[in-house]
């Protein structure tokens, strides 16, 4: 299996500095993952590899305190064993 996802938000311009909120820019990030089931006997193993924030976009969301940027491009591997 495989997936390509797009996540984003528009500019947040309604904020209240009194509560530590500030304006945040619009952003769009892309992520992808690829998985493969491996079957043996009555068990199976799902191996999934992926990359988040493919284009290494610097962004923060409205909920991020003081607009501290989110993680840049990162890779991951998931192994799921079912029996």
PDB file of N, CA and C in Angstrom:
ATOM      1  N   UNK A   1       0.834  -1.179   0.000  1.00  0.00           N
ATOM      2  CA  UNK A   1       0.000   0.000   0.000  1.00  0.00           C
ATOM      3  C   UNK A   1       0.882   1.247   0.000  1.00  0.00           C
ATOM      4  N   UNK A   2       0.304   2.355  -0.377  1.00  0.00           N
ATOM      5  CA  UNK A   2       1.040   3.607  -0.443  1.00  0.00           C
ATOM      6  C   UNK A   2       0.072   4.769  -0.230  1.00  0.00           C
ATOM      7  N   UNK A   3       0.606   5.866   0.259  1.00  0.00           N
ATOM      8  CA  UNK A   3      -0.229   7.054   0.393  1.00  0.00           C
ATOM      9  C   UNK A   3       0.623   8.307   0.235  1.00  0.00           C
ATOM     10  N   UNK A   4       0.001   9.330  -0.289  1.00  0.00           N
ATOM     11  CA  UNK A   4       0.585  10.654  -0.405  1.00  0.00           C
ATOM     12  C   UNK A   4      -0.417  11.602   0.240  1.00  0.00           C
ATOM     13  N   UNK A   5       0.012  12.367   1.229  1.00  0.00           N
ATOM     14  CA  UNK A   5      -0.903  13.257   1.928  1.00  0.00           C
ATOM     15  C   UNK A   5      -0.435  14.701   1.837  1.00  0.00           C
ATOM     16  N   UNK A   6      -1.411  15.588   1.847  1.00  0.00           N
ATOM     17  CA  UNK A   6      -1.150  17.020   1.862  1.00  0.00           C
ATOM     18  C   UNK A   6      -1.869  17.581   3.078  1.00  0.00           C
ATOM     19  N   UNK A   7      -1.183  18.393   3.853  1.00  0.00           N
ATOM     20  CA  UNK A   7      -1.761  19.003   5.042  1.00  0.00           C
ATOM     21  C   UNK A   7      -1.413  20.472   5.033  1.00  0.00           C
ATOM     22  N   UNK A   8      -2.327  21.316   5.457  1.00  0.00           N
ATOM     23  CA  UNK A   8      -2.018  22.734   5.466  1.00  0.00           C
ATOM     24  C   UNK A   8      -3.041  23.549   6.223  1.00  0.00           C
ATOM     25  N   UNK A   9      -2.798  24.823   6.271  1.00  0.00           N
ATOM     26  CA  UNK A   9      -3.714  25.751   6.926  1.00  0.00           C
ATOM     27  C   UNK A   9      -3.498  27.135   6.331  1.00  0.00           C
ATOM     28  N   UNK A  10      -4.532  27.950   6.406  1.00  0.00           N
ATOM     29  CA  UNK A  10      -4.441  29.324   5.939  1.00  0.00           C
ATOM     30  C   UNK A  10      -3.811  30.216   6.994  1.00  0.00           C
ATOM     31  N   UNK A  11      -3.567  31.450   6.656  1.00  0.00           N
ATOM     32  CA  UNK A  11      -3.002  32.415   7.594  1.00  0.00           C
ATOM     33  C   UNK A  11      -3.965  32.620   8.758  1.00  0.00           C
ATOM     34  N   UNK A  12      -3.429  32.564   9.966  1.00  0.00           N
ATOM     35  CA  UNK A  12      -4.236  32.810  11.160  1.00  0.00           C
ATOM     36  C   UNK A  12      -4.054  34.261  11.546  1.00  0.00           C
ATOM     37  N   UNK A  13      -5.088  35.056  11.316  1.00  0.00           N
ATOM     38  CA  UNK A  13      -4.957  36.487  11.598  1.00  0.00           C
ATOM     39  C   UNK A  13      -5.817  36.935  12.778  1.00  0.00           C
ATOM     40  N   UNK A  14      -6.656  36.051  13.289  1.00  0.00           N
ATOM     41  CA  UNK A  14      -7.468  36.382  14.469  1.00  0.00           C
ATOM     42  C   UNK A  14      -6.807  35.734  15.674  1.00  0.00           C
ATOM     43  N   UNK A  15      -6.077  36.540  16.423  1.00  0.00           N
ATOM     44  CA  UNK A  15      -5.336  36.038  17.565  1.00  0.00           C
ATOM     45  C   UNK A  15      -5.377  37.062  18.688  1.00  0.00           C
ATOM     46  N   UNK A  16      -5.010  36.637  19.879  1.00  0.00           N
ATOM     47  CA  UNK A  16      -5.034  37.518  21.031  1.00  0.00           C
ATOM     48  C   UNK A  16      -3.672  37.476  21.727  1.00  0.00           C
ATOM     49  N   UNK A  17      -2.849  38.511  21.562  1.00  0.00           N
ATOM     50  CA  UNK A  17      -1.522  38.538  22.186  1.00  0.00           C
ATOM     51  C   UNK A  17      -1.577  38.395  23.711  1.00  0.00           C
ATOM     52  N   UNK A  18      -2.699  38.781  24.299  1.00  0.00           N
ATOM     53  CA  UNK A  18      -2.858  38.685  25.755  1.00  0.00           C
ATOM     54  C   UNK A  18      -2.671  37.236  26.231  1.00  0.00           C
ATOM     55  N   UNK A  19      -3.015  36.274  25.384  1.00  0.00           N
ATOM     56  CA  UNK A  19      -2.909  34.858  25.738  1.00  0.00           C
ATOM     57  C   UNK A  19      -1.706  34.187  25.074  1.00  0.00           C
ATOM     58  N   UNK A  20      -0.745  34.977  24.617  1.00  0.00           N
ATOM     59  CA  UNK A  20       0.457  34.428  24.006  1.00  0.00           C
ATOM     60  C   UNK A  20       0.284  33.993  22.564  1.00  0.00           C
ATOM     61  N   UNK A  21      -0.843  34.341  21.961  1.00  0.00           N
ATOM     62  CA  UNK A  21      -1.088  33.968  20.573  1.00  0.00           C
ATOM     63  C   UNK A  21      -0.472  35.002  19.637  1.00  0.00           C
ATOM     64  N   UNK A  22      -0.106  34.557  18.440  1.00  0.00           N
ATOM     65  CA  UNK A  22       0.420  35.481  17.442  1.00  0.00           C
ATOM     66  C   UNK A  22       0.015  34.998  16.053  1.00  0.00           C
ATOM     67  N   UNK A  23       0.187  35.870  15.076  1.00  0.00           N
ATOM     68  CA  UNK A  23      -0.183  35.540  13.698  1.00  0.00           C
ATOM     69  C   UNK A  23       0.705  34.412  13.172  1.00  0.00           C
ATOM     70  N   UNK A  24       0.111  33.490  12.426  1.00  0.00           N
ATOM     71  CA  UNK A  24       0.888  32.421  11.794  1.00  0.00           C
ATOM     72  C   UNK A  24       0.634  32.449  10.299  1.00  0.00           C
ATOM     73  N   UNK A  25       1.689  32.154   9.542  1.00  0.00           N
ATOM     74  CA  UNK A  25       1.600  32.143   8.085  1.00  0.00           C
ATOM     75  C   UNK A  25       0.900  30.879   7.591  1.00  0.00           C
ATOM     76  N   UNK A  26       0.387  30.958   6.384  1.00  0.00           N
ATOM     77  CA  UNK A  26      -0.201  29.777   5.737  1.00  0.00           C
ATOM     78  C   UNK A  26       0.919  28.789   5.418  1.00  0.00           C
ATOM     79  N   UNK A  27       0.568  27.507   5.371  1.00  0.00           N
ATOM     80  CA  UNK A  27       1.558  26.485   5.018  1.00  0.00           C
ATOM     81  C   UNK A  27       0.879  25.295   4.365  1.00  0.00           C
ATOM     82  N   UNK A  28       1.663  24.550   3.611  1.00  0.00           N
ATOM     83  CA  UNK A  28       1.236  23.282   3.022  1.00  0.00           C
ATOM     84  C   UNK A  28       2.440  22.349   3.074  1.00  0.00           C
ATOM     85  N   UNK A  29       2.224  21.154   3.613  1.00  0.00           N
ATOM     86  CA  UNK A  29       3.295  20.157   3.642  1.00  0.00           C
ATOM     87  C   UNK A  29       2.793  18.865   3.006  1.00  0.00           C
ATOM     88  N   UNK A  30       3.726  18.089   2.485  1.00  0.00           N
ATOM     89  CA  UNK A  30       3.420  16.811   1.848  1.00  0.00           C
ATOM     90  C   UNK A  30       4.174  15.700   2.561  1.00  0.00           C
ATOM     91  N   UNK A  31       3.520  14.555   2.673  1.00  0.00           N
ATOM     92  CA  UNK A  31       4.122  13.374   3.281  1.00  0.00           C
ATOM     93  C   UNK A  31       3.765  12.165   2.432  1.00  0.00           C
ATOM     94  N   UNK A  32       4.583  11.120   2.519  1.00  0.00           N
ATOM     95  CA  UNK A  32       4.320   9.897   1.757  1.00  0.00           C
ATOM     96  C   UNK A  32       4.761   8.694   2.574  1.00  0.00           C
ATOM     97  N   UNK A  33       4.063   7.566   2.386  1.00  0.00           N
ATOM     98  CA  UNK A  33       4.524   6.324   2.985  1.00  0.00           C
ATOM     99  C   UNK A  33       4.193   5.158   2.071  1.00  0.00           C
ATOM    100  N   UNK A  34       4.951   4.104   2.245  1.00  0.00           N
ATOM    101  CA  UNK A  34       4.814   2.894   1.439  1.00  0.00           C
ATOM    102  C   UNK A  34       4.883   1.705   2.378  1.00  0.00           C
ATOM    103  N   UNK A  35       3.960   0.754   2.193  1.00  0.00           N
ATOM    104  CA  UNK A  35       3.925  -0.408   3.067  1.00  0.00           C
ATOM    105  C   UNK A  35       3.825  -1.697   2.280  1.00  0.00           C
ATOM    106  N   UNK A  36       4.293  -2.761   2.902  1.00  0.00           N
ATOM    107  CA  UNK A  36       4.254  -4.083   2.275  1.00  0.00           C
ATOM    108  C   UNK A  36       3.921  -5.111   3.347  1.00  0.00           C
ATOM    109  N   UNK A  37       2.879  -5.923   3.079  1.00  0.00           N
ATOM    110  CA  UNK A  37       2.550  -7.039   3.956  1.00  0.00           C
ATOM    111  C   UNK A  37       3.382  -8.243   3.559  1.00  0.00           C
ATOM    112  N   UNK A  38       3.945  -8.903   4.540  1.00  0.00           N
ATOM    113  CA  UNK A  38       4.675 -10.143   4.322  1.00  0.00           C
ATOM    114  C   UNK A  38       3.946 -11.227   5.114  1.00  0.00           C
ATOM    115  N   UNK A  39       3.446 -12.240   4.419  1.00  0.00           N
ATOM    116  CA  UNK A  39       2.672 -13.301   5.052  1.00  0.00           C
ATOM    117  C   UNK A  39       3.523 -14.553   5.194  1.00  0.00           C
ATOM    118  N   UNK A  40       3.452 -15.191   6.362  1.00  0.00           N
ATOM    119  CA  UNK A  40       4.090 -16.478   6.573  1.00  0.00           C
ATOM    120  C   UNK A  40       3.316 -17.234   7.641  1.00  0.00           C
ATOM    121  N   UNK A  41       3.080 -18.527   7.347  1.00  0.00           N
ATOM    122  CA  UNK A  41       2.238 -19.380   8.200  1.00  0.00           C
ATOM    123  C   UNK A  41       0.919 -18.659   8.480  1.00  0.00           C
ATOM    124  N   UNK A  42       0.552 -18.522   9.751  1.00  0.00           N
ATOM    125  CA  UNK A  42      -0.692 -17.821  10.105  1.00  0.00           C
ATOM    126  C   UNK A  42      -0.408 -16.412  10.618  1.00  0.00           C
ATOM    127  N   UNK A  43       0.763 -15.898  10.343  1.00  0.00           N
ATOM    128  CA  UNK A  43       1.185 -14.595  10.834  1.00  0.00           C
ATOM    129  C   UNK A  43       1.432 -13.655   9.660  1.00  0.00           C
ATOM    130  N   UNK A  44       1.469 -12.376   9.959  1.00  0.00           N
ATOM    131  CA  UNK A  44       1.865 -11.424   8.921  1.00  0.00           C
ATOM    132  C   UNK A  44       2.626 -10.266   9.540  1.00  0.00           C
ATOM    133  N   UNK A  45       3.420  -9.660   8.724  1.00  0.00           N
ATOM    134  CA  UNK A  45       4.260  -8.540   9.127  1.00  0.00           C
ATOM    135  C   UNK A  45       4.009  -7.407   8.144  1.00  0.00           C
ATOM    136  N   UNK A  46       3.726  -6.238   8.676  1.00  0.00           N
ATOM    137  CA  UNK A  46       3.576  -5.043   7.842  1.00  0.00           C
ATOM    138  C   UNK A  46       4.821  -4.189   8.037  1.00  0.00           C
ATOM    139  N   UNK A  47       5.517  -3.931   6.962  1.00  0.00           N
ATOM    140  CA  UNK A  47       6.690  -3.046   6.982  1.00  0.00           C
ATOM    141  C   UNK A  47       6.283  -1.764   6.269  1.00  0.00           C
ATOM    142  N   UNK A  48       6.401  -0.648   6.989  1.00  0.00           N
ATOM    143  CA  UNK A  48       5.995   0.633   6.405  1.00  0.00           C
ATOM    144  C   UNK A  48       7.145   1.624   6.564  1.00  0.00           C
ATOM    145  N   UNK A  49       7.500   2.300   5.479  1.00  0.00           N
ATOM    146  CA  UNK A  49       8.515   3.352   5.505  1.00  0.00           C
ATOM    147  C   UNK A  49       7.881   4.633   4.981  1.00  0.00           C
ATOM    148  N   UNK A  50       8.329   5.750   5.509  1.00  0.00           N
ATOM    149  CA  UNK A  50       7.729   6.998   5.060  1.00  0.00           C
ATOM    150  C   UNK A  50       8.608   8.194   5.324  1.00  0.00           C
ATOM    151  N   UNK A  51       8.174   9.301   4.775  1.00  0.00           N
ATOM    152  CA  UNK A  51       8.837  10.580   4.979  1.00  0.00           C
ATOM    153  C   UNK A  51       7.752  11.628   5.216  1.00  0.00           C
ATOM    154  N   UNK A  52       7.939  12.424   6.251  1.00  0.00           N
ATOM    155  CA  UNK A  52       7.022  13.514   6.564  1.00  0.00           C
ATOM    156  C   UNK A  52       7.688  14.831   6.196  1.00  0.00           C
ATOM    157  N   UNK A  53       6.900  15.785   5.739  1.00  0.00           N
ATOM    158  CA  UNK A  53       7.396  17.102   5.343  1.00  0.00           C
ATOM    159  C   UNK A  53       8.472  16.951   4.262  1.00  0.00           C
ATOM    160  N   UNK A  54       8.099  16.336   3.167  1.00  0.00           N
ATOM    161  CA  UNK A  54       9.021  15.973   2.084  1.00  0.00           C
ATOM    162  C   UNK A  54       9.913  17.127   1.643  1.00  0.00           C
ATOM    163  N   UNK A  55       9.353  18.316   1.504  1.00  0.00           N
ATOM    164  CA  UNK A  55      10.105  19.464   0.977  1.00  0.00           C
ATOM    165  C   UNK A  55      10.763  20.305   2.075  1.00  0.00           C
ATOM    166  N   UNK A  56      10.799  19.769   3.297  1.00  0.00           N
ATOM    167  CA  UNK A  56      11.480  20.401   4.431  1.00  0.00           C
ATOM    168  C   UNK A  56      11.006  21.840   4.651  1.00  0.00           C
ATOM    169  N   UNK A  57       9.706  22.026   4.624  1.00  0.00           N
ATOM    170  CA  UNK A  57       9.093  23.350   4.804  1.00  0.00           C
ATOM    171  C   UNK A  57       9.130  23.746   6.277  1.00  0.00           C
ATOM    172  N   UNK A  58       9.590  24.961   6.562  1.00  0.00           N
ATOM    173  CA  UNK A  58       9.543  25.459   7.940  1.00  0.00           C
ATOM    174  C   UNK A  58       8.165  26.069   8.170  1.00  0.00           C
ATOM    175  N   UNK A  59       7.475  25.588   9.200  1.00  0.00           N
ATOM    176  CA  UNK A  59       6.127  26.078   9.477  1.00  0.00           C
ATOM    177  C   UNK A  59       5.806  25.908  10.951  1.00  0.00           C
ATOM    178  N   UNK A  60       4.826  26.630  11.392  1.00  0.00           N
ATOM    179  CA  UNK A  60       4.270  26.446  12.728  1.00  0.00           C
ATOM    180  C   UNK A  60       2.759  26.576  12.611  1.00  0.00           C
ATOM    181  N   UNK A  61       2.070  25.976  13.544  1.00  0.00           N
ATOM    182  CA  UNK A  61       0.618  26.031  13.525  1.00  0.00           C
ATOM    183  C   UNK A  61       0.125  27.054  14.542  1.00  0.00           C
ATOM    184  N   UNK A  62      -1.121  27.339  14.485  1.00  0.00           N
ATOM    185  CA  UNK A  62      -1.741  28.301  15.393  1.00  0.00           C
ATOM    186  C   UNK A  62      -1.548  27.874  16.851  1.00  0.00           C
ATOM    187  N   UNK A  63      -1.522  26.573  17.113  1.00  0.00           N
ATOM    188  CA  UNK A  63      -1.405  26.063  18.478  1.00  0.00           C
ATOM    189  C   UNK A  63       0.024  26.025  19.003  1.00  0.00           C
ATOM    190  N   UNK A  64       1.015  26.285  18.182  1.00  0.00           N
ATOM    191  CA  UNK A  64       2.409  26.213  18.611  1.00  0.00           C
ATOM    192  C   UNK A  64       2.786  27.463  19.403  1.00  0.00           C
ATOM    193  N   UNK A  65       3.219  27.252  20.626  1.00  0.00           N
ATOM    194  CA  UNK A  65       3.561  28.345  21.519  1.00  0.00           C
ATOM    195  C   UNK A  65       4.697  29.170  20.930  1.00  0.00           C
ATOM    196  N   UNK A  66       4.528  30.462  20.862  1.00  0.00           N
ATOM    197  CA  UNK A  66       5.523  31.418  20.338  1.00  0.00           C
ATOM    198  C   UNK A  66       5.976  31.090  18.918  1.00  0.00           C
ATOM    199  N   UNK A  67       5.124  30.434  18.145  1.00  0.00           N
ATOM    200  CA  UNK A  67       5.431  30.063  16.752  1.00  0.00           C
ATOM    201  C   UNK A  67       6.726  29.261  16.618  1.00  0.00           C
ATOM    202  N   UNK A  68       7.019  28.415  17.593  1.00  0.00           N
ATOM    203  CA  UNK A  68       8.182  27.528  17.499  1.00  0.00           C
ATOM    204  C   UNK A  68       7.925  26.588  16.327  1.00  0.00           C
ATOM    205  N   UNK A  69       8.853  26.503  15.371  1.00  0.00           N
ATOM    206  CA  UNK A  69       8.623  25.691  14.163  1.00  0.00           C
ATOM    207  C   UNK A  69       8.458  24.208  14.470  1.00  0.00           C
ATOM    208  N   UNK A  70       7.656  23.564  13.662  1.00  0.00           N
ATOM    209  CA  UNK A  70       7.484  22.115  13.733  1.00  0.00           C
ATOM    210  C   UNK A  70       8.713  21.423  13.151  1.00  0.00           C
ATOM    211  N   UNK A  71       8.750  20.097  13.321  1.00  0.00           N
ATOM    212  CA  UNK A  71       9.874  19.314  12.836  1.00  0.00           C
ATOM    213  C   UNK A  71       9.991  19.414  11.325  1.00  0.00           C
ATOM    214  N   UNK A  72      11.204  19.460  10.836  1.00  0.00           N
ATOM    215  CA  UNK A  72      11.446  19.483   9.404  1.00  0.00           C
ATOM    216  C   UNK A  72      11.267  18.095   8.803  1.00  0.00           C
ATOM    217  N   UNK A  73      11.879  17.862   7.667  1.00  0.00           N
ATOM    218  CA  UNK A  73      11.774  16.560   6.994  1.00  0.00           C
ATOM    219  C   UNK A  73      12.259  15.463   7.937  1.00  0.00           C
ATOM    220  N   UNK A  74      11.502  14.373   8.023  1.00  0.00           N
ATOM    221  CA  UNK A  74      11.930  13.246   8.840  1.00  0.00           C
ATOM    222  C   UNK A  74      11.450  11.949   8.219  1.00  0.00           C
ATOM    223  N   UNK A  75      12.223  10.918   8.475  1.00  0.00           N
ATOM    224  CA  UNK A  75      11.954   9.583   7.926  1.00  0.00           C
ATOM    225  C   UNK A  75      11.590   8.647   9.060  1.00  0.00           C
ATOM    226  N   UNK A  76      10.781   7.638   8.756  1.00  0.00           N
ATOM    227  CA  UNK A  76      10.414   6.668   9.782  1.00  0.00           C
ATOM    228  C   UNK A  76      10.212   5.290   9.172  1.00  0.00           C
ATOM    229  N   UNK A  77      10.293   4.273  10.039  1.00  0.00           N
ATOM    230  CA  UNK A  77      10.027   2.879   9.686  1.00  0.00           C
ATOM    231  C   UNK A  77       9.136   2.313  10.774  1.00  0.00           C
ATOM    232  N   UNK A  78       8.043   1.668  10.374  1.00  0.00           N
ATOM    233  CA  UNK A  78       7.131   0.980  11.303  1.00  0.00           C
ATOM    234  C   UNK A  78       7.098  -0.495  10.963  1.00  0.00           C
ATOM    235  N   UNK A  79       7.163  -1.317  11.981  1.00  0.00           N
ATOM    236  CA  UNK A  79       6.994  -2.762  11.820  1.00  0.00           C
ATOM    237  C   UNK A  79       5.814  -3.192  12.676  1.00  0.00           C
ATOM    238  N   UNK A  80       4.844  -3.862  12.066  1.00  0.00           N
ATOM    239  CA  UNK A  80       3.679  -4.348  12.793  1.00  0.00           C
ATOM    240  C   UNK A  80       3.548  -5.836  12.555  1.00  0.00           C
ATOM    241  N   UNK A  81       3.615  -6.609  13.637  1.00  0.00           N
ATOM    242  CA  UNK A  81       3.535  -8.059  13.552  1.00  0.00           C
ATOM    243  C   UNK A  81       2.188  -8.510  14.085  1.00  0.00           C
ATOM    244  N   UNK A  82       1.466  -9.318  13.325  1.00  0.00           N
ATOM    245  CA  UNK A  82       0.159  -9.833  13.731  1.00  0.00           C
ATOM    246  C   UNK A  82       0.205 -11.349  13.724  1.00  0.00           C
ATOM    247  N   UNK A  83      -0.371 -11.953  14.758  1.00  0.00           N
ATOM    248  CA  UNK A  83      -0.441 -13.419  14.814  1.00  0.00           C
ATOM    249  C   UNK A  83      -1.784 -13.889  15.270  1.00  0.00           C
TER     250      UNK A  83
END
